[in-house]
Amino acid sequence: MENHFALFQMTPSFAIDAAQLDAAYREMQGRVHPDRFAAATDVEKRVAMQWATRANEAYQTLKNPLKRATYLCELNGVDLGIESNTAMAPAFLMQQMTWREALEDARHAKDLAALEGLDAELRTARQQQLDEIASLLAGGDYPAAGERVRQLMFVEKFGEEVGRAFESLEA
């Protein structure tokens, strides 16, 4: 089975042209959308549905930087071991602890300004992780990129927690 990049006739790379991806996806959907096969046989309908599903999955993966980085690492033989590999760099672990304490303090004090500061810090950390991942992937260092992807997963998940903290303050 061809990879997601090949499906859209794109070169495997972290840096992608979003407009090119969107155009390739729309073109693919135009060819395989189930509505085009309304009068087809059951087999043809099933095949069209499988292609449409595959195109949707590929598009969602390539459109999202975290999913795209994960996919590139996996394509290049790096098993991120997300469920079992919890090892992280000590500096990153310390940063996690600092962020968690800041979140708990902001929640307890119902401090909107502190939450906004934490949210801004996370956005900066997210962009730094994405920049590092892009550089590592461009250089072919997939194992190191995989480490950063796992860190970015934490940043993303923690960002969701911060979002829920904002919601609870607004409620």
C-alpha atoms as a PDB file:
ATOM      1  CA  MET A   1       0.000   0.000   0.000  1.00  0.00           C
ATOM      2  CA  GLU A   2       1.385   3.403  -0.913  1.00  0.00           C
ATOM      3  CA  ASN A   3       2.074   5.921   1.832  1.00  0.00           C
ATOM      4  CA  HIS A   4      -0.009   9.019   2.494  1.00  0.00           C
ATOM      5  CA  PHE A   5       2.404  11.308   0.664  1.00  0.00           C
ATOM      6  CA  ALA A   6       2.412   9.132  -2.457  1.00  0.00           C
ATOM      7  CA  LEU A   7      -1.384   9.002  -2.390  1.00  0.00           C
ATOM      8  CA  PHE A   8      -1.395  12.778  -2.919  1.00  0.00           C
ATOM      9  CA  GLN A   9       1.682  12.736  -5.189  1.00  0.00           C
ATOM     10  CA  MET A  10       3.779  14.648  -2.644  1.00  0.00           C
ATOM     11  CA  THR A  11       7.362  14.134  -1.548  1.00  0.00           C
ATOM     12  CA  PRO A  12       7.609  12.814   2.035  1.00  0.00           C
ATOM     13  CA  SER A  13       8.613  15.871   4.047  1.00  0.00           C
ATOM     14  CA  PHE A  14       7.613  17.644   7.242  1.00  0.00           C
ATOM     15  CA  ALA A  15       7.468  20.951   5.378  1.00  0.00           C
ATOM     16  CA  ILE A  16       4.485  20.661   3.064  1.00  0.00           C
ATOM     17  CA  ASP A  17       2.534  23.055   0.903  1.00  0.00           C
ATOM     18  CA  ALA A  18      -0.901  23.128   2.562  1.00  0.00           C
ATOM     19  CA  ALA A  19      -2.574  24.459  -0.590  1.00  0.00           C
ATOM     20  CA  GLN A  20      -1.054  21.607  -2.629  1.00  0.00           C
ATOM     21  CA  LEU A  21      -2.288  19.091  -0.042  1.00  0.00           C
ATOM     22  CA  ASP A  22      -5.793  20.599  -0.063  1.00  0.00           C
ATOM     23  CA  ALA A  23      -5.935  20.569  -3.880  1.00  0.00           C
ATOM     24  CA  ALA A  24      -4.706  16.964  -4.086  1.00  0.00           C
ATOM     25  CA  TYR A  25      -7.252  15.902  -1.468  1.00  0.00           C
ATOM     26  CA  ARG A  26     -10.130  17.622  -3.278  1.00  0.00           C
ATOM     27  CA  GLU A  27      -9.054  16.044  -6.568  1.00  0.00           C
ATOM     28  CA  MET A  28      -8.880  12.593  -4.964  1.00  0.00           C
ATOM     29  CA  GLN A  29     -12.268  13.048  -3.265  1.00  0.00           C
ATOM     30  CA  GLY A  30     -13.743  14.093  -6.598  1.00  0.00           C
ATOM     31  CA  ARG A  31     -12.632  10.788  -8.116  1.00  0.00           C
ATOM     32  CA  VAL A  32     -13.610   8.441  -5.288  1.00  0.00           C
ATOM     33  CA  HIS A  33     -16.521  10.101  -3.487  1.00  0.00           C
ATOM     34  CA  PRO A  34     -19.247   7.492  -2.900  1.00  0.00           C
ATOM     35  CA  ASP A  35     -21.903   9.744  -4.491  1.00  0.00           C
ATOM     36  CA  ARG A  36     -20.167   9.230  -7.850  1.00  0.00           C
ATOM     37  CA  PHE A  37     -20.802   5.498  -7.501  1.00  0.00           C
ATOM     38  CA  ALA A  38     -24.520   5.589  -6.682  1.00  0.00           C
ATOM     39  CA  ALA A  39     -25.372   3.484  -9.761  1.00  0.00           C
ATOM     40  CA  ALA A  40     -22.316   1.232  -9.470  1.00  0.00           C
ATOM     41  CA  THR A  41     -22.146  -2.367  -8.321  1.00  0.00           C
ATOM     42  CA  ASP A  42     -21.824  -3.157  -4.628  1.00  0.00           C
ATOM     43  CA  VAL A  43     -18.161  -4.066  -5.128  1.00  0.00           C
ATOM     44  CA  GLU A  44     -17.429  -0.758  -6.879  1.00  0.00           C
ATOM     45  CA  LYS A  45     -19.242   1.134  -4.130  1.00  0.00           C
ATOM     46  CA  ARG A  46     -17.234  -0.670  -1.457  1.00  0.00           C
ATOM     47  CA  VAL A  47     -13.933   0.040  -3.222  1.00  0.00           C
ATOM     48  CA  ALA A  48     -14.875   3.709  -3.642  1.00  0.00           C
ATOM     49  CA  MET A  49     -15.769   3.929   0.053  1.00  0.00           C
ATOM     50  CA  GLN A  50     -12.424   2.362   1.005  1.00  0.00           C
ATOM     51  CA  TRP A  51     -10.525   4.861  -1.156  1.00  0.00           C
ATOM     52  CA  ALA A  52     -12.527   7.794   0.222  1.00  0.00           C
ATOM     53  CA  THR A  53     -11.844   6.619   3.781  1.00  0.00           C
ATOM     54  CA  ARG A  54      -8.154   6.182   3.040  1.00  0.00           C
ATOM     55  CA  ALA A  55      -7.967   9.638   1.462  1.00  0.00           C
ATOM     56  CA  ASN A  56      -9.659  11.186   4.507  1.00  0.00           C
ATOM     57  CA  GLU A  57      -7.272   9.428   6.883  1.00  0.00           C
ATOM     58  CA  ALA A  58      -4.218  10.437   4.847  1.00  0.00           C
ATOM     59  CA  TYR A  59      -5.401  14.047   4.610  1.00  0.00           C
ATOM     60  CA  GLN A  60      -6.062  14.327   8.357  1.00  0.00           C
ATOM     61  CA  THR A  61      -2.619  12.871   9.095  1.00  0.00           C
ATOM     62  CA  LEU A  62      -0.704  15.131   6.723  1.00  0.00           C
ATOM     63  CA  LYS A  63      -2.664  18.273   7.582  1.00  0.00           C
ATOM     64  CA  ASN A  64      -1.783  18.092  11.298  1.00  0.00           C
ATOM     65  CA  PRO A  65       1.904  18.845  12.105  1.00  0.00           C
ATOM     66  CA  LEU A  66       2.028  16.466  15.089  1.00  0.00           C
ATOM     67  CA  LYS A  67       0.404  13.606  13.172  1.00  0.00           C
ATOM     68  CA  ARG A  68       2.580  14.329  10.123  1.00  0.00           C
ATOM     69  CA  ALA A  69       5.778  14.235  12.219  1.00  0.00           C
ATOM     70  CA  THR A  70       4.653  11.015  13.911  1.00  0.00           C
ATOM     71  CA  TYR A  71       3.871   9.475  10.525  1.00  0.00           C
ATOM     72  CA  LEU A  72       7.253  10.483   9.071  1.00  0.00           C
ATOM     73  CA  CYS A  73       9.069   8.960  12.044  1.00  0.00           C
ATOM     74  CA  GLU A  74       7.097   5.731  11.672  1.00  0.00           C
ATOM     75  CA  LEU A  75       7.696   5.651   7.889  1.00  0.00           C
ATOM     76  CA  ASN A  76      11.392   5.799   8.677  1.00  0.00           C
ATOM     77  CA  GLY A  77      11.368   2.938  11.148  1.00  0.00           C
ATOM     78  CA  VAL A  78      11.073   4.850  14.423  1.00  0.00           C
ATOM     79  CA  ASP A  79       8.584   3.276  16.816  1.00  0.00           C
ATOM     80  CA  LEU A  80       7.599   6.084  19.154  1.00  0.00           C
ATOM     81  CA  GLY A  81       6.414   3.550  21.733  1.00  0.00           C
ATOM     82  CA  ILE A  82       3.854   6.061  22.932  1.00  0.00           C
ATOM     83  CA  GLU A  83       2.145   3.611  25.286  1.00  0.00           C
ATOM     84  CA  SER A  84       5.316   2.130  26.760  1.00  0.00           C
ATOM     85  CA  ASN A  85       8.127   4.669  26.324  1.00  0.00           C
ATOM     86  CA  THR A  86       7.812   7.298  29.047  1.00  0.00           C
ATOM     87  CA  ALA A  87      11.485   8.289  29.173  1.00  0.00           C
ATOM     88  CA  MET A  88      12.050  12.012  28.661  1.00  0.00           C
ATOM     89  CA  ALA A  89      14.997  14.357  28.955  1.00  0.00           C
ATOM     90  CA  PRO A  90      15.473  15.535  32.572  1.00  0.00           C
ATOM     91  CA  ALA A  91      15.176  19.208  31.573  1.00  0.00           C
ATOM     92  CA  PHE A  92      11.848  18.509  29.878  1.00  0.00           C
ATOM     93  CA  LEU A  93      10.604  16.593  32.940  1.00  0.00           C
ATOM     94  CA  MET A  94      11.502  19.567  35.126  1.00  0.00           C
ATOM     95  CA  GLN A  95       9.644  21.882  32.736  1.00  0.00           C
ATOM     96  CA  GLN A  96       6.583  19.616  32.966  1.00  0.00           C
ATOM     97  CA  MET A  97       6.653  19.807  36.753  1.00  0.00           C
ATOM     98  CA  THR A  98       6.959  23.605  36.651  1.00  0.00           C
ATOM     99  CA  TRP A  99       4.021  23.867  34.243  1.00  0.00           C
ATOM    100  CA  ARG A 100       1.878  21.526  36.344  1.00  0.00           C
ATOM    101  CA  GLU A 101       2.566  23.541  39.496  1.00  0.00           C
ATOM    102  CA  ALA A 102       1.760  26.775  37.658  1.00  0.00           C
ATOM    103  CA  LEU A 103      -1.504  25.291  36.372  1.00  0.00           C
ATOM    104  CA  GLU A 104      -2.545  24.085  39.818  1.00  0.00           C
ATOM    105  CA  ASP A 105      -1.675  27.458  41.367  1.00  0.00           C
ATOM    106  CA  ALA A 106      -3.652  29.315  38.689  1.00  0.00           C
ATOM    107  CA  ARG A 107      -6.655  26.990  39.098  1.00  0.00           C
ATOM    108  CA  HIS A 108      -6.607  27.294  42.875  1.00  0.00           C
ATOM    109  CA  ALA A 109      -6.306  31.093  42.783  1.00  0.00           C
ATOM    110  CA  LYS A 110      -8.707  31.362  39.835  1.00  0.00           C
ATOM    111  CA  ASP A 111      -6.014  33.555  38.260  1.00  0.00           C
ATOM    112  CA  LEU A 112      -6.925  34.246  34.629  1.00  0.00           C
ATOM    113  CA  ALA A 113      -3.743  36.257  33.984  1.00  0.00           C
ATOM    114  CA  ALA A 114      -1.570  33.366  35.206  1.00  0.00           C
ATOM    115  CA  LEU A 115      -3.466  30.951  32.920  1.00  0.00           C
ATOM    116  CA  GLU A 116      -2.990  33.310  29.980  1.00  0.00           C
ATOM    117  CA  GLY A 117       0.737  33.489  30.741  1.00  0.00           C
ATOM    118  CA  LEU A 118       0.977  29.705  30.934  1.00  0.00           C
ATOM    119  CA  ASP A 119      -0.966  29.375  27.687  1.00  0.00           C
ATOM    120  CA  ALA A 120       1.412  31.805  25.944  1.00  0.00           C
ATOM    121  CA  GLU A 121       4.417  29.875  27.294  1.00  0.00           C
ATOM    122  CA  LEU A 122       2.945  26.633  25.948  1.00  0.00           C
ATOM    123  CA  ARG A 123       2.343  28.164  22.510  1.00  0.00           C
ATOM    124  CA  THR A 124       6.000  29.231  22.427  1.00  0.00           C
ATOM    125  CA  ALA A 125       7.157  25.778  23.575  1.00  0.00           C
ATOM    126  CA  ARG A 126       4.938  24.155  20.926  1.00  0.00           C
ATOM    127  CA  GLN A 127       6.450  26.286  18.179  1.00  0.00           C
ATOM    128  CA  GLN A 128       9.975  25.536  19.414  1.00  0.00           C
ATOM    129  CA  GLN A 129       9.219  21.806  19.377  1.00  0.00           C
ATOM    130  CA  LEU A 130       7.793  22.051  15.845  1.00  0.00           C
ATOM    131  CA  ASP A 131      10.872  23.971  14.662  1.00  0.00           C
ATOM    132  CA  GLU A 132      13.211  21.386  16.205  1.00  0.00           C
ATOM    133  CA  ILE A 133      11.195  18.514  14.735  1.00  0.00           C
ATOM    134  CA  ALA A 134      11.278  20.132  11.286  1.00  0.00           C
ATOM    135  CA  SER A 135      15.054  20.557  11.502  1.00  0.00           C
ATOM    136  CA  LEU A 136      15.659  17.006  12.736  1.00  0.00           C
ATOM    137  CA  LEU A 137      13.395  15.476  10.095  1.00  0.00           C
ATOM    138  CA  ALA A 138      15.001  17.562   7.348  1.00  0.00           C
ATOM    139  CA  GLY A 139      18.380  16.273   8.527  1.00  0.00           C
ATOM    140  CA  GLY A 140      17.180  12.680   8.590  1.00  0.00           C
ATOM    141  CA  ASP A 141      17.614  12.256  12.362  1.00  0.00           C
ATOM    142  CA  TYR A 142      14.373  10.342  12.839  1.00  0.00           C
ATOM    143  CA  PRO A 143      15.158   8.910  16.306  1.00  0.00           C
ATOM    144  CA  ALA A 144      15.834  12.397  17.723  1.00  0.00           C
ATOM    145  CA  ALA A 145      12.759  13.737  15.921  1.00  0.00           C
ATOM    146  CA  GLY A 146      10.758  10.942  17.544  1.00  0.00           C
ATOM    147  CA  GLU A 147      11.903  12.107  20.986  1.00  0.00           C
ATOM    148  CA  ARG A 148      10.729  15.636  20.190  1.00  0.00           C
ATOM    149  CA  VAL A 149       7.434  14.321  18.819  1.00  0.00           C
ATOM    150  CA  ARG A 150       6.792  12.579  22.144  1.00  0.00           C
ATOM    151  CA  GLN A 151       7.552  15.849  23.952  1.00  0.00           C
ATOM    152  CA  LEU A 152       5.221  17.730  21.617  1.00  0.00           C
ATOM    153  CA  MET A 153       2.477  15.208  22.404  1.00  0.00           C
ATOM    154  CA  PHE A 154       2.837  16.145  26.063  1.00  0.00           C
ATOM    155  CA  VAL A 155       2.766  19.875  25.260  1.00  0.00           C
ATOM    156  CA  GLU A 156      -0.396  19.385  23.162  1.00  0.00           C
ATOM    157  CA  LYS A 157      -2.109  17.322  25.856  1.00  0.00           C
ATOM    158  CA  PHE A 158      -1.109  19.770  28.580  1.00  0.00           C
ATOM    159  CA  GLY A 159      -2.413  22.613  26.402  1.00  0.00           C
ATOM    160  CA  GLU A 160      -5.798  20.863  26.428  1.00  0.00           C
ATOM    161  CA  GLU A 161      -5.679  20.818  30.231  1.00  0.00           C
ATOM    162  CA  VAL A 162      -4.974  24.545  30.248  1.00  0.00           C
ATOM    163  CA  GLY A 163      -7.937  25.019  27.898  1.00  0.00           C
ATOM    164  CA  ARG A 164     -10.183  23.133  30.324  1.00  0.00           C
ATOM    165  CA  ALA A 165      -8.895  25.332  33.152  1.00  0.00           C
ATOM    166  CA  PHE A 166      -9.947  28.417  31.158  1.00  0.00           C
ATOM    167  CA  GLU A 167     -13.385  26.865  30.632  1.00  0.00           C
ATOM    168  CA  SER A 168     -13.814  26.127  34.334  1.00  0.00           C
ATOM    169  CA  LEU A 169     -12.928  29.740  35.226  1.00  0.00           C
ATOM    170  CA  GLU A 170     -15.442  31.050  32.710  1.00  0.00           C
ATOM    171  CA  ALA A 171     -18.219  28.762  33.962  1.00  0.00           C
END
